[in-house]
Amino acid sequence: MITRTARGHTGRTLQAERPEVAMFALLPLAVAARLAANLFDGPARGHTLALSAALWSLAFVIYLLRYGPWLASPRLDGKPGYWH
């Protein structure tokens, strides 16, 4: 929902591009790794949890890098928004 809202409020098309697809793929992979961690003990569990955290964090870093500049700039279409 945050990607759709950010695209709409910045005057961009409501179509997912590669960065969004990557984010949308990374989050369920992070969840799967987190669930898989319950199957392991010891170091393997810790490594799987670290993988989950890294995937989750990477998804949000992509969001920050992609949407941060958009959200801090005027709308593309020139309509009034937060920065007008």
PDB file of N, CA and C in Angstrom:
ATOM      1  N   MET A   1       0.817  -1.189   0.000  1.00  0.00           N
ATOM      2  CA  MET A   1       0.000   0.000   0.000  1.00  0.00           C
ATOM      3  C   MET A   1       0.867   1.261   0.000  1.00  0.00           C
ATOM      4  N   ILE A   2       1.987   1.236   0.691  1.00  0.00           N
ATOM      5  CA  ILE A   2       2.810   2.451   0.733  1.00  0.00           C
ATOM      6  C   ILE A   2       3.396   2.789  -0.635  1.00  0.00           C
ATOM      7  N   THR A   3       3.651   1.781  -1.460  1.00  0.00           N
ATOM      8  CA  THR A   3       4.181   2.079  -2.789  1.00  0.00           C
ATOM      9  C   THR A   3       3.114   2.703  -3.666  1.00  0.00           C
ATOM     10  N   ARG A   4       1.906   2.195  -3.613  1.00  0.00           N
ATOM     11  CA  ARG A   4       0.808   2.733  -4.418  1.00  0.00           C
ATOM     12  C   ARG A   4       0.496   4.167  -3.982  1.00  0.00           C
ATOM     13  N   THR A   5       0.432   4.397  -2.695  1.00  0.00           N
ATOM     14  CA  THR A   5       0.138   5.726  -2.173  1.00  0.00           C
ATOM     15  C   THR A   5       1.251   6.708  -2.556  1.00  0.00           C
ATOM     16  N   ALA A   6       2.496   6.299  -2.400  1.00  0.00           N
ATOM     17  CA  ALA A   6       3.619   7.181  -2.737  1.00  0.00           C
ATOM     18  C   ALA A   6       3.623   7.509  -4.221  1.00  0.00           C
ATOM     19  N   ARG A   7       3.350   6.539  -5.065  1.00  0.00           N
ATOM     20  CA  ARG A   7       3.305   6.799  -6.510  1.00  0.00           C
ATOM     21  C   ARG A   7       2.184   7.787  -6.835  1.00  0.00           C
ATOM     22  N   GLY A   8       1.015   7.566  -6.279  1.00  0.00           N
ATOM     23  CA  GLY A   8      -0.115   8.447  -6.551  1.00  0.00           C
ATOM     24  C   GLY A   8       0.111   9.865  -6.065  1.00  0.00           C
ATOM     25  N   HIS A   9       0.653  10.002  -4.876  1.00  0.00           N
ATOM     26  CA  HIS A   9       0.841  11.325  -4.278  1.00  0.00           C
ATOM     27  C   HIS A   9       2.035  12.080  -4.857  1.00  0.00           C
ATOM     28  N   THR A  10       2.843  11.422  -5.666  1.00  0.00           N
ATOM     29  CA  THR A  10       3.963  12.108  -6.307  1.00  0.00           C
ATOM     30  C   THR A  10       3.723  12.306  -7.796  1.00  0.00           C
ATOM     31  N   GLY A  11       2.524  11.932  -8.270  1.00  0.00           N
ATOM     32  CA  GLY A  11       2.166  12.152  -9.663  1.00  0.00           C
ATOM     33  C   GLY A  11       2.745  11.133 -10.621  1.00  0.00           C
ATOM     34  N   ARG A  12       3.105   9.977 -10.119  1.00  0.00           N
ATOM     35  CA  ARG A  12       3.670   8.939 -10.977  1.00  0.00           C
ATOM     36  C   ARG A  12       2.604   7.907 -11.340  1.00  0.00           C
ATOM     37  N   THR A  13       2.903   7.112 -12.368  1.00  0.00           N
ATOM     38  CA  THR A  13       1.957   6.082 -12.785  1.00  0.00           C
ATOM     39  C   THR A  13       1.819   5.030 -11.691  1.00  0.00           C
ATOM     40  N   LEU A  14       0.679   4.391 -11.661  1.00  0.00           N
ATOM     41  CA  LEU A  14       0.415   3.375 -10.636  1.00  0.00           C
ATOM     42  C   LEU A  14       0.766   1.986 -11.154  1.00  0.00           C
ATOM     43  N   GLN A  15       1.960   1.852 -11.682  1.00  0.00           N
ATOM     44  CA  GLN A  15       2.432   0.586 -12.222  1.00  0.00           C
ATOM     45  C   GLN A  15       3.772   0.247 -11.580  1.00  0.00           C
ATOM     46  N   ALA A  16       3.863  -0.960 -11.051  1.00  0.00           N
ATOM     47  CA  ALA A  16       5.100  -1.397 -10.410  1.00  0.00           C
ATOM     48  C   ALA A  16       6.205  -1.561 -11.444  1.00  0.00           C
ATOM     49  N   GLU A  17       7.388  -1.084 -11.086  1.00  0.00           N
ATOM     50  CA  GLU A  17       8.566  -1.245 -11.931  1.00  0.00           C
ATOM     51  C   GLU A  17       9.529  -2.203 -11.251  1.00  0.00           C
ATOM     52  N   ARG A  18      10.690  -2.391 -11.804  1.00  0.00           N
ATOM     53  CA  ARG A  18      11.634  -3.390 -11.278  1.00  0.00           C
ATOM     54  C   ARG A  18      11.967  -3.235  -9.792  1.00  0.00           C
ATOM     55  N   PRO A  19      12.245  -2.018  -9.305  1.00  0.00           N
ATOM     56  CA  PRO A  19      12.539  -1.911  -7.870  1.00  0.00           C
ATOM     57  C   PRO A  19      11.376  -2.391  -6.991  1.00  0.00           C
ATOM     58  N   GLU A  20      10.152  -2.055  -7.400  1.00  0.00           N
ATOM     59  CA  GLU A  20       8.990  -2.499  -6.619  1.00  0.00           C
ATOM     60  C   GLU A  20       8.856  -4.012  -6.666  1.00  0.00           C
ATOM     61  N   VAL A  21       9.048  -4.585  -7.843  1.00  0.00           N
ATOM     62  CA  VAL A  21       8.959  -6.042  -7.972  1.00  0.00           C
ATOM     63  C   VAL A  21      10.014  -6.705  -7.088  1.00  0.00           C
ATOM     64  N   ALA A  22      11.207  -6.136  -7.056  1.00  0.00           N
ATOM     65  CA  ALA A  22      12.265  -6.686  -6.200  1.00  0.00           C
ATOM     66  C   ALA A  22      11.857  -6.613  -4.729  1.00  0.00           C
ATOM     67  N   MET A  23      11.299  -5.468  -4.312  1.00  0.00           N
ATOM     68  CA  MET A  23      10.853  -5.336  -2.915  1.00  0.00           C
ATOM     69  C   MET A  23       9.770  -6.359  -2.601  1.00  0.00           C
ATOM     70  N   PHE A  24       8.807  -6.486  -3.530  1.00  0.00           N
ATOM     71  CA  PHE A  24       7.689  -7.394  -3.309  1.00  0.00           C
ATOM     72  C   PHE A  24       8.154  -8.851  -3.268  1.00  0.00           C
ATOM     73  N   ALA A  25       9.255  -9.173  -3.930  1.00  0.00           N
ATOM     74  CA  ALA A  25       9.800 -10.530  -3.889  1.00  0.00           C
ATOM     75  C   ALA A  25      10.626 -10.766  -2.627  1.00  0.00           C
ATOM     76  N   LEU A  26      11.352  -9.747  -2.180  1.00  0.00           N
ATOM     77  CA  LEU A  26      12.230  -9.905  -1.020  1.00  0.00           C
ATOM     78  C   LEU A  26      11.451 -10.126   0.279  1.00  0.00           C
ATOM     79  N   LEU A  27      10.321  -9.465   0.437  1.00  0.00           N
ATOM     80  CA  LEU A  27       9.580  -9.583   1.698  1.00  0.00           C
ATOM     81  C   LEU A  27       9.070 -11.000   1.969  1.00  0.00           C
ATOM     82  N   PRO A  28       8.421 -11.673   1.010  1.00  0.00           N
ATOM     83  CA  PRO A  28       8.013 -13.054   1.304  1.00  0.00           C
ATOM     84  C   PRO A  28       9.203 -14.002   1.473  1.00  0.00           C
ATOM     85  N   LEU A  29      10.310 -13.712   0.782  1.00  0.00           N
ATOM     86  CA  LEU A  29      11.509 -14.532   0.995  1.00  0.00           C
ATOM     87  C   LEU A  29      12.025 -14.361   2.420  1.00  0.00           C
ATOM     88  N   ALA A  30      11.955 -13.136   2.931  1.00  0.00           N
ATOM     89  CA  ALA A  30      12.367 -12.880   4.319  1.00  0.00           C
ATOM     90  C   ALA A  30      11.462 -13.640   5.287  1.00  0.00           C
ATOM     91  N   VAL A  31      10.177 -13.635   5.017  1.00  0.00           N
ATOM     92  CA  VAL A  31       9.233 -14.366   5.876  1.00  0.00           C
ATOM     93  C   VAL A  31       9.532 -15.861   5.822  1.00  0.00           C
ATOM     94  N   ALA A  32       9.774 -16.381   4.609  1.00  0.00           N
ATOM     95  CA  ALA A  32      10.074 -17.814   4.465  1.00  0.00           C
ATOM     96  C   ALA A  32      11.346 -18.184   5.224  1.00  0.00           C
ATOM     97  N   ALA A  33      12.365 -17.335   5.151  1.00  0.00           N
ATOM     98  CA  ALA A  33      13.610 -17.608   5.883  1.00  0.00           C
ATOM     99  C   ALA A  33      13.367 -17.577   7.386  1.00  0.00           C
ATOM    100  N   ARG A  34      12.542 -16.635   7.830  1.00  0.00           N
ATOM    101  CA  ARG A  34      12.238 -16.546   9.265  1.00  0.00           C
ATOM    102  C   ARG A  34      11.521 -17.801   9.747  1.00  0.00           C
ATOM    103  N   LEU A  35      10.578 -18.269   8.958  1.00  0.00           N
ATOM    104  CA  LEU A  35       9.862 -19.497   9.319  1.00  0.00           C
ATOM    105  C   LEU A  35      10.778 -20.714   9.251  1.00  0.00           C
ATOM    106  N   ALA A  36      11.651 -20.756   8.262  1.00  0.00           N
ATOM    107  CA  ALA A  36      12.584 -21.868   8.111  1.00  0.00           C
ATOM    108  C   ALA A  36      13.571 -21.923   9.275  1.00  0.00           C
ATOM    109  N   ALA A  37      13.864 -20.795   9.889  1.00  0.00           N
ATOM    110  CA  ALA A  37      14.802 -20.766  11.020  1.00  0.00           C
ATOM    111  C   ALA A  37      14.318 -21.663  12.155  1.00  0.00           C
ATOM    112  N   ASN A  38      13.012 -21.852  12.255  1.00  0.00           N
ATOM    113  CA  ASN A  38      12.471 -22.714  13.317  1.00  0.00           C
ATOM    114  C   ASN A  38      12.820 -24.177  13.116  1.00  0.00           C
ATOM    115  N   LEU A  39      13.275 -24.532  11.932  1.00  0.00           N
ATOM    116  CA  LEU A  39      13.640 -25.919  11.644  1.00  0.00           C
ATOM    117  C   LEU A  39      15.057 -26.251  12.094  1.00  0.00           C
ATOM    118  N   PHE A  40      15.825 -25.226  12.446  1.00  0.00           N
ATOM    119  CA  PHE A  40      17.242 -25.419  12.757  1.00  0.00           C
ATOM    120  C   PHE A  40      17.555 -25.098  14.208  1.00  0.00           C
ATOM    121  N   ASP A  41      18.699 -25.615  14.655  1.00  0.00           N
ATOM    122  CA  ASP A  41      19.262 -25.284  15.961  1.00  0.00           C
ATOM    123  C   ASP A  41      20.669 -24.738  15.748  1.00  0.00           C
ATOM    124  N   GLY A  42      21.183 -24.098  16.757  1.00  0.00           N
ATOM    125  CA  GLY A  42      22.563 -23.641  16.735  1.00  0.00           C
ATOM    126  C   GLY A  42      22.847 -22.588  15.689  1.00  0.00           C
ATOM    127  N   PRO A  43      24.067 -22.656  15.124  1.00  0.00           N
ATOM    128  CA  PRO A  43      24.491 -21.626  14.171  1.00  0.00           C
ATOM    129  C   PRO A  43      23.591 -21.540  12.928  1.00  0.00           C
ATOM    130  N   ALA A  44      23.073 -22.649  12.478  1.00  0.00           N
ATOM    131  CA  ALA A  44      22.218 -22.627  11.284  1.00  0.00           C
ATOM    132  C   ALA A  44      20.976 -21.769  11.529  1.00  0.00           C
ATOM    133  N   ARG A  45      20.440 -21.836  12.735  1.00  0.00           N
ATOM    134  CA  ARG A  45      19.279 -21.009  13.073  1.00  0.00           C
ATOM    135  C   ARG A  45      19.650 -19.522  13.032  1.00  0.00           C
ATOM    136  N   GLY A  46      20.774 -19.199  13.623  1.00  0.00           N
ATOM    137  CA  GLY A  46      21.225 -17.805  13.626  1.00  0.00           C
ATOM    138  C   GLY A  46      21.495 -17.282  12.230  1.00  0.00           C
ATOM    139  N   HIS A  47      22.099 -18.112  11.377  1.00  0.00           N
ATOM    140  CA  HIS A  47      22.377 -17.699  10.000  1.00  0.00           C
ATOM    141  C   HIS A  47      21.078 -17.490   9.220  1.00  0.00           C
ATOM    142  N   THR A  48      20.117 -18.349   9.452  1.00  0.00           N
ATOM    143  CA  THR A  48      18.836 -18.216   8.751  1.00  0.00           C
ATOM    144  C   THR A  48      18.090 -16.977   9.225  1.00  0.00           C
ATOM    145  N   LEU A  49      18.154 -16.692  10.518  1.00  0.00           N
ATOM    146  CA  LEU A  49      17.542 -15.465  11.030  1.00  0.00           C
ATOM    147  C   LEU A  49      18.247 -14.228  10.470  1.00  0.00           C
ATOM    148  N   ALA A  50      19.567 -14.296  10.364  1.00  0.00           N
ATOM    149  CA  ALA A  50      20.322 -13.175   9.794  1.00  0.00           C
ATOM    150  C   ALA A  50      19.957 -12.981   8.319  1.00  0.00           C
ATOM    151  N   LEU A  51      19.768 -14.068   7.597  1.00  0.00           N
ATOM    152  CA  LEU A  51      19.348 -13.978   6.201  1.00  0.00           C
ATOM    153  C   LEU A  51      17.983 -13.302   6.109  1.00  0.00           C
ATOM    154  N   SER A  52      17.074 -13.701   6.980  1.00  0.00           N
ATOM    155  CA  SER A  52      15.747 -13.098   7.000  1.00  0.00           C
ATOM    156  C   SER A  52      15.838 -11.594   7.260  1.00  0.00           C
ATOM    157  N   ALA A  53      16.619 -11.218   8.232  1.00  0.00           N
ATOM    158  CA  ALA A  53      16.778  -9.796   8.563  1.00  0.00           C
ATOM    159  C   ALA A  53      17.407  -9.028   7.402  1.00  0.00           C
ATOM    160  N   ALA A  54      18.376  -9.636   6.742  1.00  0.00           N
ATOM    161  CA  ALA A  54      19.031  -8.972   5.614  1.00  0.00           C
ATOM    162  C   ALA A  54      18.065  -8.778   4.447  1.00  0.00           C
ATOM    163  N   LEU A  55      17.257  -9.784   4.149  1.00  0.00           N
ATOM    164  CA  LEU A  55      16.288  -9.670   3.057  1.00  0.00           C
ATOM    165  C   LEU A  55      15.250  -8.599   3.362  1.00  0.00           C
ATOM    166  N   TRP A  56      14.752  -8.604   4.588  1.00  0.00           N
ATOM    167  CA  TRP A  56      13.761  -7.613   5.014  1.00  0.00           C
ATOM    168  C   TRP A  56      14.348  -6.197   4.928  1.00  0.00           C
ATOM    169  N   SER A  57      15.566  -6.054   5.442  1.00  0.00           N
ATOM    170  CA  SER A  57      16.226  -4.744   5.424  1.00  0.00           C
ATOM    171  C   SER A  57      16.499  -4.272   4.007  1.00  0.00           C
ATOM    172  N   LEU A  58      16.919  -5.179   3.142  1.00  0.00           N
ATOM    173  CA  LEU A  58      17.201  -4.817   1.759  1.00  0.00           C
ATOM    174  C   LEU A  58      15.944  -4.299   1.066  1.00  0.00           C
ATOM    175  N   ALA A  59      14.815  -4.923   1.333  1.00  0.00           N
ATOM    176  CA  ALA A  59      13.557  -4.452   0.742  1.00  0.00           C
ATOM    177  C   ALA A  59      13.283  -3.009   1.151  1.00  0.00           C
ATOM    178  N   PHE A  60      13.514  -2.681   2.392  1.00  0.00           N
ATOM    179  CA  PHE A  60      13.238  -1.324   2.857  1.00  0.00           C
ATOM    180  C   PHE A  60      14.316  -0.328   2.440  1.00  0.00           C
ATOM    181  N   VAL A  61      15.538  -0.781   2.237  1.00  0.00           N
ATOM    182  CA  VAL A  61      16.582   0.095   1.688  1.00  0.00           C
ATOM    183  C   VAL A  61      16.219   0.458   0.248  1.00  0.00           C
ATOM    184  N   ILE A  62      15.742  -0.521  -0.514  1.00  0.00           N
ATOM    185  CA  ILE A  62      15.299  -0.239  -1.882  1.00  0.00           C
ATOM    186  C   ILE A  62      14.176   0.783  -1.852  1.00  0.00           C
ATOM    187  N   TYR A  63      13.221   0.617  -0.943  1.00  0.00           N
ATOM    188  CA  TYR A  63      12.124   1.586  -0.832  1.00  0.00           C
ATOM    189  C   TYR A  63      12.677   2.982  -0.531  1.00  0.00           C
ATOM    190  N   LEU A  64      13.564   3.075   0.424  1.00  0.00           N
ATOM    191  CA  LEU A  64      14.127   4.364   0.814  1.00  0.00           C
ATOM    192  C   LEU A  64      14.855   5.030  -0.353  1.00  0.00           C
ATOM    193  N   LEU A  65      15.670   4.268  -1.059  1.00  0.00           N
ATOM    194  CA  LEU A  65      16.426   4.827  -2.177  1.00  0.00           C
ATOM    195  C   LEU A  65      15.527   5.222  -3.339  1.00  0.00           C
ATOM    196  N   ARG A  66      14.486   4.446  -3.576  1.00  0.00           N
ATOM    197  CA  ARG A  66      13.582   4.708  -4.692  1.00  0.00           C
ATOM    198  C   ARG A  66      12.596   5.828  -4.370  1.00  0.00           C
ATOM    199  N   TYR A  67      11.967   5.746  -3.223  1.00  0.00           N
ATOM    200  CA  TYR A  67      10.864   6.652  -2.909  1.00  0.00           C
ATOM    201  C   TYR A  67      11.286   7.879  -2.107  1.00  0.00           C
ATOM    202  N   GLY A  68      12.380   7.815  -1.406  1.00  0.00           N
ATOM    203  CA  GLY A  68      12.835   8.955  -0.624  1.00  0.00           C
ATOM    204  C   GLY A  68      12.962  10.226  -1.445  1.00  0.00           C
ATOM    205  N   PRO A  69      13.706  10.193  -2.554  1.00  0.00           N
ATOM    206  CA  PRO A  69      13.816  11.401  -3.377  1.00  0.00           C
ATOM    207  C   PRO A  69      12.472  11.862  -3.948  1.00  0.00           C
ATOM    208  N   TRP A  70      11.612  10.923  -4.314  1.00  0.00           N
ATOM    209  CA  TRP A  70      10.296  11.282  -4.847  1.00  0.00           C
ATOM    210  C   TRP A  70       9.472  12.004  -3.792  1.00  0.00           C
ATOM    211  N   LEU A  71       9.488  11.459  -2.583  1.00  0.00           N
ATOM    212  CA  LEU A  71       8.660  12.012  -1.513  1.00  0.00           C
ATOM    213  C   LEU A  71       9.185  13.357  -1.004  1.00  0.00           C
ATOM    214  N   ALA A  72      10.445  13.641  -1.273  1.00  0.00           N
ATOM    215  CA  ALA A  72      11.041  14.904  -0.832  1.00  0.00           C
ATOM    216  C   ALA A  72      11.048  15.960  -1.937  1.00  0.00           C
ATOM    217  N   SER A  73      10.388  15.668  -3.058  1.00  0.00           N
ATOM    218  CA  SER A  73      10.365  16.574  -4.200  1.00  0.00           C
ATOM    219  C   SER A  73       8.926  16.936  -4.564  1.00  0.00           C
ATOM    220  N   PRO A  74       8.746  18.004  -5.330  1.00  0.00           N
ATOM    221  CA  PRO A  74       7.398  18.343  -5.805  1.00  0.00           C
ATOM    222  C   PRO A  74       6.849  17.257  -6.729  1.00  0.00           C
ATOM    223  N   ARG A  75       5.544  17.222  -6.862  1.00  0.00           N
ATOM    224  CA  ARG A  75       4.888  16.261  -7.750  1.00  0.00           C
ATOM    225  C   ARG A  75       5.372  16.451  -9.183  1.00  0.00           C
ATOM    226  N   LEU A  76       5.458  15.356  -9.938  1.00  0.00           N
ATOM    227  CA  LEU A  76       5.860  15.434 -11.335  1.00  0.00           C
ATOM    228  C   LEU A  76       4.850  16.162 -12.201  1.00  0.00           C
ATOM    229  N   ASP A  77       3.592  16.002 -11.889  1.00  0.00           N
ATOM    230  CA  ASP A  77       2.532  16.557 -12.733  1.00  0.00           C
ATOM    231  C   ASP A  77       2.205  18.014 -12.401  1.00  0.00           C
ATOM    232  N   GLY A  78       2.902  18.609 -11.448  1.00  0.00           N
ATOM    233  CA  GLY A  78       2.709  20.005 -11.113  1.00  0.00           C
ATOM    234  C   GLY A  78       1.467  20.313 -10.281  1.00  0.00           C
ATOM    235  N   LYS A  79       0.681  19.306  -9.972  1.00  0.00           N
ATOM    236  CA  LYS A  79      -0.497  19.533  -9.144  1.00  0.00           C
ATOM    237  C   LYS A  79      -0.072  19.864  -7.719  1.00  0.00           C
ATOM    238  N   PRO A  80      -0.941  20.546  -6.969  1.00  0.00           N
ATOM    239  CA  PRO A  80      -0.588  20.856  -5.574  1.00  0.00           C
ATOM    240  C   PRO A  80      -0.416  19.578  -4.764  1.00  0.00           C
ATOM    241  N   GLY A  81       0.531  19.626  -3.895  1.00  0.00           N
ATOM    242  CA  GLY A  81       0.794  18.496  -3.016  1.00  0.00           C
ATOM    243  C   GLY A  81       1.413  19.001  -1.731  1.00  0.00           C
ATOM    244  N   TYR A  82       2.128  18.157  -1.065  1.00  0.00           N
ATOM    245  CA  TYR A  82       2.717  18.522   0.221  1.00  0.00           C
ATOM    246  C   TYR A  82       3.742  19.629   0.107  1.00  0.00           C
ATOM    247  N   TRP A  83       4.445  19.741  -1.018  1.00  0.00           N
ATOM    248  CA  TRP A  83       5.545  20.686  -1.134  1.00  0.00           C
ATOM    249  C   TRP A  83       5.161  21.949  -1.887  1.00  0.00           C
ATOM    250  N   HIS A  84       3.887  22.138  -2.190  1.00  0.00           N
ATOM    251  CA  HIS A  84       3.444  23.372  -2.867  1.00  0.00           C
ATOM    252  C   HIS A  84       2.800  24.298  -1.879  1.00  0.00           C
TER     253      HIS A  84
END
